[in-house]
N, C-alpha and C. Protein backbone atom coordinates (compact mmCIF):
# COMPACT_ATOMS: atom_id res chain seq x y z
N MET A 1 -9.67 12.56 -14.76
CA MET A 1 -8.71 12.64 -13.78
C MET A 1 -7.40 12.18 -14.84
N GLY A 2 -6.34 12.78 -14.11
CA GLY A 2 -4.51 11.72 -14.62
C GLY A 2 -4.46 10.74 -13.85
N TRP A 3 -3.54 9.72 -14.22
CA TRP A 3 -3.33 9.01 -13.46
C TRP A 3 -1.87 9.09 -13.63
N PRO A 4 -0.91 8.45 -12.58
CA PRO A 4 -1.53 8.10 -11.36
C PRO A 4 -2.23 9.33 -10.32
N ALA A 5 -3.60 8.60 -9.91
CA ALA A 5 -4.34 9.80 -8.66
C ALA A 5 -3.68 10.24 -7.65
N THR A 6 -2.82 10.05 -7.03
CA THR A 6 -1.93 10.92 -5.97
C THR A 6 -0.66 10.91 -5.68
N SER A 7 0.09 11.78 -5.33
CA SER A 7 1.61 12.05 -5.41
C SER A 7 2.73 11.09 -4.57
N GLY A 8 3.72 10.75 -5.06
CA GLY A 8 4.14 9.80 -4.38
C GLY A 8 5.89 9.56 -4.91
N ASP A 9 6.70 8.42 -4.60
CA ASP A 9 7.58 8.71 -5.05
C ASP A 9 7.62 6.99 -5.94
N TYR A 10 7.79 7.42 -6.86
CA TYR A 10 7.36 6.11 -7.91
C TYR A 10 7.71 6.57 -9.29
N ILE A 11 7.88 5.75 -9.95
CA ILE A 11 7.88 5.97 -11.58
C ILE A 11 6.70 5.18 -12.07
N VAL A 12 6.14 5.35 -13.06
CA VAL A 12 4.89 4.81 -14.18
C VAL A 12 6.01 4.06 -15.31
N GLY A 13 5.10 2.98 -15.34
CA GLY A 13 5.65 2.28 -16.61
C GLY A 13 4.90 1.96 -17.45
N ASP A 14 4.40 0.44 -18.02
CA ASP A 14 3.98 0.62 -19.11
C ASP A 14 1.97 0.78 -18.53
N GLN A 15 1.36 1.68 -18.59
CA GLN A 15 0.27 2.15 -17.68
C GLN A 15 -0.84 1.06 -18.08
N LYS A 16 -0.67 0.23 -19.37
CA LYS A 16 -1.50 -0.71 -19.35
C LYS A 16 -1.12 -1.88 -18.99
N SER A 17 -0.19 -2.35 -18.22
CA SER A 17 0.60 -3.24 -17.47
C SER A 17 -0.79 -3.72 -16.04
N PRO A 18 -0.66 -4.86 -15.82
CA PRO A 18 -1.43 -5.78 -14.76
C PRO A 18 -0.73 -5.28 -13.50
N VAL A 19 0.36 -5.02 -13.39
CA VAL A 19 1.19 -5.09 -12.32
C VAL A 19 1.26 -3.44 -11.72
N ALA A 20 1.48 -3.74 -10.19
CA ALA A 20 2.18 -2.69 -9.63
C ALA A 20 3.29 -3.33 -8.35
N VAL A 21 3.84 -2.64 -8.32
CA VAL A 21 5.24 -3.50 -7.82
C VAL A 21 5.56 -1.79 -6.43
N VAL A 22 5.48 -2.37 -4.87
CA VAL A 22 5.72 -1.82 -3.95
C VAL A 22 7.03 -2.29 -3.58
N THR A 23 8.36 -1.19 -3.31
CA THR A 23 9.17 -1.79 -2.87
C THR A 23 10.02 -1.33 -1.62
N LEU A 24 8.25 -1.12 -0.40
CA LEU A 24 8.56 -0.79 0.33
C LEU A 24 9.89 0.57 0.92
N ALA A 25 10.78 0.14 1.74
CA ALA A 25 11.88 0.68 2.17
C ALA A 25 13.03 0.75 1.27
N SER A 26 13.08 -0.15 0.07
CA SER A 26 14.13 -0.22 -0.88
C SER A 26 13.99 0.66 -1.90
N ASP A 27 15.24 0.69 -2.64
CA ASP A 27 15.19 2.03 -4.13
C ASP A 27 14.36 1.14 -4.65
N TYR A 28 13.68 1.49 -5.68
CA TYR A 28 13.27 0.65 -6.85
C TYR A 28 13.95 1.37 -7.74
N ARG A 29 14.30 2.51 -8.33
CA ARG A 29 15.51 3.19 -9.33
C ARG A 29 16.80 1.96 -9.58
N SER A 30 17.40 1.13 -8.27
CA SER A 30 18.36 0.27 -8.50
C SER A 30 18.18 -0.87 -9.19
N LEU A 31 17.10 -1.17 -9.10
CA LEU A 31 16.71 -2.40 -9.17
C LEU A 31 15.78 -2.96 -11.00
N ASN A 32 16.00 -2.30 -11.42
CA ASN A 32 15.87 -1.92 -12.80
C ASN A 32 14.84 -2.96 -13.37
N LEU A 33 13.86 -2.87 -13.14
CA LEU A 33 12.87 -3.76 -13.36
C LEU A 33 12.09 -3.09 -14.25
N GLU A 34 11.10 -3.95 -15.21
CA GLU A 34 10.49 -3.84 -16.23
C GLU A 34 8.94 -4.05 -16.21
N ASN A 35 8.30 -3.85 -16.96
CA ASN A 35 7.02 -5.06 -17.47
C ASN A 35 5.87 -4.23 -16.14
N TYR A 36 6.02 -3.53 -15.68
CA TYR A 36 5.03 -2.42 -14.49
C TYR A 36 4.22 -1.26 -15.01
N ALA A 37 3.31 -1.28 -14.41
CA ALA A 37 2.44 0.21 -14.71
C ALA A 37 2.80 1.20 -13.93
N ILE A 38 3.50 1.12 -12.26
CA ILE A 38 3.84 1.91 -11.35
C ILE A 38 5.17 1.02 -10.72
N CYS A 39 5.67 1.43 -9.89
CA CYS A 39 6.68 0.84 -9.06
C CYS A 39 7.03 1.95 -8.45
N GLY A 40 7.02 2.06 -7.30
CA GLY A 40 7.65 2.79 -6.29
C GLY A 40 7.52 2.06 -4.23
N THR A 41 7.99 3.31 -3.72
CA THR A 41 7.80 3.30 -2.05
C THR A 41 7.00 2.86 -1.13
N CYS A 42 7.39 2.74 -0.13
CA CYS A 42 5.66 2.77 0.68
C CYS A 42 6.67 2.73 1.65
N PHE A 43 6.30 3.95 2.74
CA PHE A 43 7.15 3.66 4.60
C PHE A 43 6.35 3.51 5.38
N THR A 44 4.89 3.96 4.80
CA THR A 44 4.14 4.22 6.41
C THR A 44 2.93 3.34 6.29
N GLU A 45 2.14 2.67 7.35
CA GLU A 45 1.11 2.05 7.57
C GLU A 45 -0.22 2.60 7.38
N ASN A 46 0.01 3.97 7.10
CA ASN A 46 -1.61 4.65 6.93
C ASN A 46 -0.96 5.01 5.80
N PHE A 47 -1.27 6.57 5.45
CA PHE A 47 -0.79 7.46 4.50
C PHE A 47 -0.37 7.00 3.23
N GLY A 48 1.06 5.75 3.78
CA GLY A 48 1.18 5.38 2.11
C GLY A 48 0.63 4.44 1.75
N ILE A 49 -0.07 3.19 2.90
CA ILE A 49 -0.63 2.37 2.18
C ILE A 49 -2.31 2.69 1.46
N GLU A 50 -2.16 3.50 2.22
CA GLU A 50 -3.49 4.77 1.14
C GLU A 50 -3.30 5.16 0.14
N LYS A 51 -2.51 5.82 -0.23
CA LYS A 51 -1.46 6.23 -1.26
C LYS A 51 -1.43 5.35 -2.68
N VAL A 52 -1.25 3.88 -2.10
CA VAL A 52 -0.88 2.44 -3.06
C VAL A 52 -2.45 2.47 -3.42
N ILE A 53 -3.47 2.10 -2.50
CA ILE A 53 -4.75 1.84 -2.69
C ILE A 53 -5.36 2.34 -3.79
N VAL A 54 -5.37 3.74 -3.34
CA VAL A 54 -5.58 4.51 -4.31
C VAL A 54 -4.97 4.71 -5.96
N ASN A 55 -3.39 4.76 -6.14
CA ASN A 55 -2.92 4.76 -7.29
C ASN A 55 -3.66 2.98 -8.00
N VAL A 56 -3.15 1.98 -7.32
CA VAL A 56 -3.79 0.90 -7.96
C VAL A 56 -4.96 0.71 -8.49
N LEU A 57 -6.17 1.23 -7.49
CA LEU A 57 -7.25 1.41 -7.76
C LEU A 57 -7.54 1.99 -9.32
N SER A 58 -7.09 3.19 -9.15
CA SER A 58 -8.03 4.13 -10.00
C SER A 58 -6.94 4.05 -11.76
N ASN A 59 -6.25 2.91 -12.02
CA ASN A 59 -5.89 1.97 -12.79
C ASN A 59 -6.67 1.01 -13.37
N SER A 60 -7.40 0.85 -14.53
CA SER A 60 -8.15 -0.45 -14.40
C SER A 60 -7.45 -1.26 -14.88
N HIS A 61 -6.30 -1.56 -15.58
CA HIS A 61 -5.94 -2.62 -15.52
C HIS A 61 -4.93 -3.35 -14.81
N ILE A 62 -4.93 -2.53 -13.57
CA ILE A 62 -3.97 -3.40 -12.51
C ILE A 62 -4.77 -4.36 -11.77
N SER A 63 -4.15 -5.36 -11.64
CA SER A 63 -4.98 -6.60 -10.98
C SER A 63 -3.64 -6.85 -9.83
N CYS A 64 -2.90 -6.72 -9.96
CA CYS A 64 -1.51 -7.89 -8.68
C CYS A 64 -0.71 -6.48 -8.61
N LEU A 65 -0.70 -6.69 -7.02
CA LEU A 65 0.49 -5.85 -6.29
C LEU A 65 1.37 -7.02 -5.79
N ILE A 66 2.64 -6.22 -6.18
CA ILE A 66 3.52 -6.91 -5.57
C ILE A 66 4.23 -6.34 -4.24
N VAL A 67 4.22 -7.19 -3.23
CA VAL A 67 4.68 -5.85 -2.08
C VAL A 67 6.66 -6.70 -1.56
N CYS A 68 6.99 -5.90 -2.22
CA CYS A 68 9.16 -6.43 -1.81
C CYS A 68 9.59 -5.68 -1.18
N GLY A 69 10.83 -6.12 -1.15
CA GLY A 69 11.96 -5.27 -0.96
C GLY A 69 11.88 -5.15 0.77
N LYS A 70 12.83 -4.43 1.36
CA LYS A 70 13.33 -4.26 2.69
C LYS A 70 12.10 -3.67 3.67
N GLU A 71 11.84 -4.04 4.12
CA GLU A 71 10.66 -3.64 5.62
C GLU A 71 11.16 -2.21 6.12
N SER A 72 9.81 -1.29 6.07
CA SER A 72 10.08 -0.23 6.75
C SER A 72 9.91 -0.08 8.03
N ASP A 73 10.29 0.73 8.77
CA ASP A 73 10.44 0.84 10.41
C ASP A 73 9.01 0.98 10.57
N HIS A 74 7.69 1.32 9.89
CA HIS A 74 6.72 1.44 10.10
C HIS A 74 5.97 -0.02 9.84
N PHE A 75 6.29 -1.15 9.61
CA PHE A 75 5.88 -2.01 9.07
C PHE A 75 4.98 -1.95 7.89
N ALA A 76 5.25 -1.07 6.76
CA ALA A 76 3.84 -0.83 5.64
C ALA A 76 4.04 -2.25 4.70
N GLY A 77 4.71 -2.96 5.17
CA GLY A 77 4.61 -4.23 3.87
C GLY A 77 3.92 -5.48 4.98
N GLN A 78 4.38 -5.95 5.97
CA GLN A 78 3.36 -6.22 7.22
C GLN A 78 2.15 -5.71 7.10
N SER A 79 1.96 -4.63 6.92
CA SER A 79 0.66 -3.97 7.20
C SER A 79 -0.18 -4.32 6.46
N LEU A 80 0.19 -4.07 5.03
CA LEU A 80 -0.36 -4.72 3.57
C LEU A 80 -0.91 -5.47 3.58
N LEU A 81 -0.29 -6.55 4.08
CA LEU A 81 -0.38 -7.87 3.79
C LEU A 81 -1.48 -8.88 5.24
N ALA A 82 -1.39 -8.01 6.26
CA ALA A 82 -2.69 -8.13 7.23
C ALA A 82 -3.47 -7.29 6.90
N LEU A 83 -3.67 -6.16 6.21
CA LEU A 83 -4.79 -5.64 5.32
C LEU A 83 -5.65 -6.69 4.88
N ALA A 84 -4.82 -7.39 3.43
CA ALA A 84 -4.97 -8.58 2.42
C ALA A 84 -5.92 -9.53 3.30
N GLU A 85 -5.31 -10.08 4.39
CA GLU A 85 -5.34 -10.93 5.33
C GLU A 85 -6.76 -11.03 6.25
N ASN A 86 -6.67 -9.68 6.53
CA ASN A 86 -7.91 -9.80 8.03
C ASN A 86 -8.69 -8.28 7.47
N GLY A 87 -8.35 -7.38 6.54
CA GLY A 87 -8.96 -6.46 6.27
C GLY A 87 -8.96 -5.36 7.48
N VAL A 88 -10.15 -4.53 7.90
CA VAL A 88 -9.96 -3.39 8.75
C VAL A 88 -11.31 -3.57 9.61
N SER A 89 -11.28 -2.87 10.99
CA SER A 89 -11.88 -2.91 11.85
C SER A 89 -12.34 -1.79 11.90
N THR A 90 -13.59 -1.18 11.98
CA THR A 90 -14.02 -0.48 11.86
C THR A 90 -14.75 0.22 13.34
N PHE A 91 -14.31 -0.54 14.04
CA PHE A 91 -14.62 -0.31 15.71
C PHE A 91 -14.11 1.18 16.16
N GLY A 92 -15.32 1.85 17.24
CA GLY A 92 -14.56 2.96 17.22
C GLY A 92 -14.70 4.18 16.25
N GLY A 93 -14.92 4.05 15.09
CA GLY A 93 -15.38 4.79 13.99
C GLY A 93 -14.36 4.90 12.97
N SER A 94 -12.90 4.48 13.16
CA SER A 94 -11.79 4.36 12.53
C SER A 94 -11.69 3.48 11.77
N LYS A 95 -10.86 3.16 10.81
CA LYS A 95 -10.74 2.05 10.03
C LYS A 95 -9.16 1.34 10.15
N LYS A 96 -8.93 1.04 11.15
CA LYS A 96 -8.00 -0.05 11.79
C LYS A 96 -7.49 -1.28 10.84
N VAL A 97 -6.31 -1.32 10.58
CA VAL A 97 -5.86 -2.74 9.68
C VAL A 97 -5.42 -3.61 10.81
N ILE A 98 -6.19 -4.65 10.58
CA ILE A 98 -6.62 -5.85 11.54
C ILE A 98 -5.15 -6.37 11.66
N GLY A 99 -4.27 -6.72 12.84
CA GLY A 99 -3.18 -7.12 13.22
C GLY A 99 -1.93 -6.85 12.64
N SER A 100 -2.35 -5.32 12.20
CA SER A 100 -1.08 -4.71 11.96
C SER A 100 -0.08 -4.37 12.68
N GLU A 101 1.26 -4.63 12.76
CA GLU A 101 2.53 -4.23 13.74
C GLU A 101 2.44 -2.82 13.61
N GLY A 102 2.30 -2.02 13.08
CA GLY A 102 2.53 -0.74 13.24
C GLY A 102 1.86 0.39 14.15
N VAL A 103 2.17 1.10 14.55
CA VAL A 103 1.33 2.09 15.60
C VAL A 103 0.48 2.69 15.30
N ILE A 104 0.33 3.26 13.96
CA ILE A 104 -0.39 4.45 13.70
C ILE A 104 -1.57 3.66 12.33
N PRO A 105 -1.89 2.32 12.43
CA PRO A 105 -2.43 1.83 11.13
C PRO A 105 -3.90 1.92 10.46
N TYR A 106 -4.02 3.38 10.43
CA TYR A 106 -5.35 3.87 10.03
C TYR A 106 -5.80 4.54 8.74
N LEU A 107 -6.78 3.22 8.10
CA LEU A 107 -6.73 4.30 6.19
C LEU A 107 -8.20 4.72 6.94
N ASP A 108 -8.07 5.78 7.71
CA ASP A 108 -9.06 6.84 7.93
C ASP A 108 -9.39 8.21 6.73
N ASP A 109 -8.65 8.11 5.42
CA ASP A 109 -8.95 9.05 4.58
C ASP A 109 -8.98 8.97 3.56
N ILE A 110 -9.53 7.33 3.52
CA ILE A 110 -10.18 7.10 2.10
C ILE A 110 -11.54 6.08 2.59
N PRO A 111 -12.41 6.18 1.68
CA PRO A 111 -13.69 5.38 2.19
C PRO A 111 -13.61 3.67 1.97
N ALA A 112 -14.62 3.18 3.20
CA ALA A 112 -14.11 1.86 3.33
C ALA A 112 -14.59 1.12 2.15
N THR A 113 -15.50 2.02 1.29
CA THR A 113 -15.66 0.83 -0.08
C THR A 113 -14.35 0.47 -0.78
N THR A 114 -13.83 1.85 -0.61
CA THR A 114 -12.76 1.96 -1.56
C THR A 114 -11.40 0.70 -1.33
N ILE A 115 -11.61 0.33 0.43
CA ILE A 115 -10.79 -0.64 0.71
C ILE A 115 -11.04 -2.20 0.58
N SER A 116 -12.73 -2.04 0.85
CA SER A 116 -13.05 -3.04 0.09
C SER A 116 -12.76 -3.56 -1.07
N ARG A 117 -12.94 -2.74 -2.47
CA ARG A 117 -12.74 -2.42 -3.24
C ARG A 117 -11.12 -3.07 -3.93
N PHE A 118 -9.99 -2.50 -3.52
CA PHE A 118 -9.23 -3.07 -3.54
C PHE A 118 -8.91 -4.66 -3.13
N LEU A 119 -9.24 -5.03 -1.48
CA LEU A 119 -9.30 -6.07 -1.26
C LEU A 119 -10.04 -7.16 -2.12
N ARG A 120 -11.24 -6.77 -2.82
CA ARG A 120 -11.26 -7.92 -3.58
C ARG A 120 -11.27 -7.95 -5.01
N GLU A 121 -10.68 -6.89 -5.58
CA GLU A 121 -9.80 -6.75 -6.95
C GLU A 121 -8.77 -6.80 -7.49
N ILE A 122 -7.63 -6.79 -5.91
CA ILE A 122 -6.68 -6.65 -6.19
C ILE A 122 -5.72 -7.98 -6.32
N GLU A 123 -4.80 -8.75 -6.36
CA GLU A 123 -4.43 -10.00 -6.09
C GLU A 123 -2.58 -9.80 -5.27
N ILE A 124 -2.80 -9.66 -4.16
CA ILE A 124 -1.15 -9.34 -3.64
C ILE A 124 -0.39 -10.31 -3.33
N ILE A 125 0.90 -10.23 -3.65
CA ILE A 125 1.57 -10.98 -3.57
C ILE A 125 2.87 -10.84 -2.92
N ASP A 126 3.24 -11.48 -2.11
CA ASP A 126 4.13 -11.05 -0.45
C ASP A 126 5.43 -11.83 -0.90
N LEU A 127 6.06 -10.69 -1.35
CA LEU A 127 7.74 -10.85 -1.52
C LEU A 127 8.49 -9.52 -0.44
N VAL A 128 7.80 -9.79 0.18
CA VAL A 128 8.77 -8.61 1.69
C VAL A 128 9.97 -9.14 1.84
N GLY A 129 10.82 -8.84 2.19
CA GLY A 129 12.53 -9.06 2.67
C GLY A 129 12.65 -9.23 0.94
N THR A 130 12.18 -9.38 -0.22
CA THR A 130 13.41 -9.87 -1.62
C THR A 130 13.71 -8.51 -1.79
N THR A 131 14.94 -8.58 -2.18
CA THR A 131 15.52 -7.79 -2.76
C THR A 131 16.19 -8.10 -4.60
N ASP A 132 15.92 -9.39 -4.60
CA ASP A 132 16.86 -9.47 -5.79
C ASP A 132 16.01 -9.36 -6.73
N PRO A 133 16.27 -8.67 -8.01
CA PRO A 133 15.80 -8.24 -8.99
C PRO A 133 15.58 -8.86 -9.72
N THR A 134 16.11 -10.31 -10.22
CA THR A 134 15.21 -11.47 -10.61
C THR A 134 14.31 -12.47 -10.39
N VAL A 135 13.80 -12.13 -8.95
CA VAL A 135 13.06 -13.11 -8.16
C VAL A 135 11.29 -12.12 -8.57
N ILE A 136 11.66 -10.89 -7.89
CA ILE A 136 11.00 -9.61 -8.06
C ILE A 136 10.47 -9.73 -9.90
N GLN A 137 11.26 -9.43 -10.98
CA GLN A 137 11.04 -9.85 -12.22
C GLN A 137 10.41 -10.68 -12.92
N GLN A 138 10.88 -11.94 -12.22
CA GLN A 138 9.95 -13.34 -12.11
C GLN A 138 8.44 -13.10 -11.70
N ALA A 139 8.36 -12.41 -10.78
CA ALA A 139 6.73 -12.45 -10.41
C ALA A 139 6.26 -11.23 -10.95
N ILE A 140 6.77 -9.89 -11.47
CA ILE A 140 5.91 -9.11 -12.38
C ILE A 140 5.80 -9.93 -13.43
N ASP A 141 6.42 -11.02 -14.18
CA ASP A 141 6.08 -11.77 -15.55
C ASP A 141 5.07 -12.82 -15.59
N SER A 142 4.89 -13.36 -14.08
CA SER A 142 3.71 -14.00 -13.86
C SER A 142 2.96 -13.72 -13.62
N CYS A 143 2.41 -12.37 -13.05
CA CYS A 143 1.17 -11.99 -13.19
C CYS A 143 0.26 -11.63 -14.83
N SER A 144 -1.06 -11.53 -14.85
CA SER A 144 -1.40 -11.88 -15.82
C SER A 144 -2.84 -11.43 -15.38
N GLY A 145 -3.23 -10.38 -16.56
CA GLY A 145 -4.23 -9.13 -16.22
C GLY A 145 -5.45 -9.99 -16.08
N LYS A 146 -6.54 -9.65 -15.16
CA LYS A 146 -7.86 -10.09 -15.21
C LYS A 146 -8.63 -8.89 -15.56
N GLU A 147 -9.75 -9.11 -15.65
CA GLU A 147 -10.40 -8.15 -16.04
C GLU A 147 -11.42 -7.29 -14.63
N ARG A 148 -11.07 -5.82 -14.60
CA ARG A 148 -12.18 -5.42 -13.18
C ARG A 148 -12.92 -4.63 -13.97
N SER A 149 -13.60 -4.32 -13.23
CA SER A 149 -14.81 -3.66 -13.61
C SER A 149 -14.24 -1.63 -14.26
N GLU A 150 -14.97 -0.90 -13.54
CA GLU A 150 -15.23 0.69 -14.27
C GLU A 150 -14.24 1.20 -13.58
N VAL A 151 -13.56 1.93 -13.71
CA VAL A 151 -12.60 2.65 -12.06
C VAL A 151 -13.59 3.83 -11.75
N PRO A 152 -13.11 3.69 -10.27
CA PRO A 152 -13.79 4.30 -9.43
C PRO A 152 -13.54 5.74 -9.40
N GLU A 153 -14.53 6.80 -8.78
CA GLU A 153 -13.46 8.22 -9.04
C GLU A 153 -12.92 8.02 -7.58
N ILE A 154 -11.35 7.89 -7.25
CA ILE A 154 -11.19 8.07 -6.11
C ILE A 154 -10.26 9.15 -5.53
N SER A 155 -10.27 9.83 -4.64
CA SER A 155 -9.36 10.94 -4.25
C SER A 155 -8.77 11.30 -2.73
N MET A 156 -7.89 11.47 -2.26
CA MET A 156 -7.49 11.28 -1.02
C MET A 156 -6.78 13.31 -0.37
N PRO A 157 -7.01 13.43 0.66
CA PRO A 157 -6.36 15.09 0.88
C PRO A 157 -5.07 14.73 0.80
N GLU A 158 -4.58 15.84 0.48
CA GLU A 158 -3.04 16.27 0.34
C GLU A 158 -2.56 15.80 1.55
N ILE A 159 -1.25 14.53 1.39
CA ILE A 159 -1.07 14.64 3.16
C ILE A 159 0.39 15.53 3.24
N HIS A 160 0.46 15.84 4.22
CA HIS A 160 2.17 17.21 4.83
C HIS A 160 2.69 16.54 5.99
N GLU A 161 3.35 17.34 6.48
CA GLU A 161 4.41 16.91 7.91
C GLU A 161 3.37 17.11 9.16
N HIS A 162 2.05 17.29 8.87
CA HIS A 162 1.23 17.19 9.97
C HIS A 162 0.05 17.02 10.21
N SER A 163 0.14 15.83 8.91
CA SER A 163 -1.29 15.04 8.82
C SER A 163 -1.18 14.07 10.05
N TRP A 164 0.24 13.73 10.50
CA TRP A 164 -0.12 12.51 11.50
C TRP A 164 -0.74 12.92 12.72
N LYS A 165 -0.67 14.18 12.96
CA LYS A 165 -1.00 14.77 14.36
C LYS A 165 -2.44 14.57 14.81
N LYS A 166 -3.36 14.13 13.61
CA LYS A 166 -4.78 14.11 14.21
C LYS A 166 -4.42 11.99 15.06
N TYR A 167 -3.60 11.36 14.90
CA TYR A 167 -3.26 10.29 15.65
C TYR A 167 -2.56 10.39 16.84
N GLU A 168 -2.41 11.43 17.09
CA GLU A 168 -1.17 11.64 18.34
C GLU A 168 -1.81 10.86 19.27
N ASN A 169 -3.31 11.23 19.48
CA ASN A 169 -3.46 10.21 21.01
C ASN A 169 -3.29 8.51 21.23
N GLU A 170 -3.20 8.16 19.86
CA GLU A 170 -3.31 6.48 19.59
C GLU A 170 -1.48 6.33 19.77
N VAL A 171 -0.79 7.07 18.69
CA VAL A 171 0.76 7.40 19.04
C VAL A 171 1.31 6.99 20.77
N LYS A 172 0.44 7.79 21.01
CA LYS A 172 1.04 8.10 22.92
C LYS A 172 0.43 6.79 23.57
N GLN A 173 -0.66 6.35 23.31
CA GLN A 173 -1.16 4.88 24.12
C GLN A 173 -0.81 4.00 23.70
N ASN A 174 0.22 4.04 22.47
CA ASN A 174 0.85 2.53 21.90
C ASN A 174 1.92 2.99 22.52
N VAL A 175 2.81 3.91 22.57
CA VAL A 175 3.85 3.62 22.80
C VAL A 175 4.28 3.64 24.69
N MET A 176 2.68 3.84 25.43
CA MET A 176 2.70 3.99 26.39
C MET A 176 2.86 2.75 26.82
N SER A 177 1.71 2.00 26.61
CA SER A 177 1.36 0.32 26.17
C SER A 177 2.60 -0.46 26.40
N LYS A 178 3.62 0.23 25.10
CA LYS A 178 4.91 -0.85 25.41
C LYS A 178 6.04 -0.82 26.58
N ILE A 179 5.30 0.70 26.98
CA ILE A 179 6.76 0.98 28.12
C ILE A 179 6.21 0.02 29.47
N LYS A 180 5.04 0.08 29.55
CA LYS A 180 4.29 -0.67 30.79
C LYS A 180 4.73 -2.35 30.20
N LYS A 181 4.98 -2.76 28.95
CA LYS A 181 4.91 -4.01 28.87
C LYS A 181 6.66 -4.66 29.11
N GLY A 182 7.12 -3.61 28.79
CA GLY A 182 8.57 -3.65 28.88
C GLY A 182 9.50 -3.62 30.00
């Protein structure tokens, strides 16, 4: 299996670096960062986070994930931090990020064991809102690699423009509940 394991908007740096960087809705190219294994965007609280988890876990050198940049409209950064803090609820058969402010924070396309392993093995550094390249680079340089166990075989289905439709009912319910509260 090649690495990165799944497609996305990212660049690969030194594959032996212990650091992955998610710049959320900020343009990673303009930051001119160095010494990372992978650096890219994450816009969504579901498929985007799943792709981050799969690509981070599938490189055994990565043990640190820096979440930085401008928050996305889907609260991908807040959802990643909520995942790290609270995990997921499997009530009702879906894997919902507890405490996410996103509309559809479901991680249903990857196994629960993968999510658990990510939470156990990856240190997440919260720099959400930070776009200063100097601050982000200092965080990258401060991460030291720690031994991780063997890389799991992880895959996820290809994401396309209609993938979200499986959550159509949840989206409608969330929108209607916000209208009623407003």
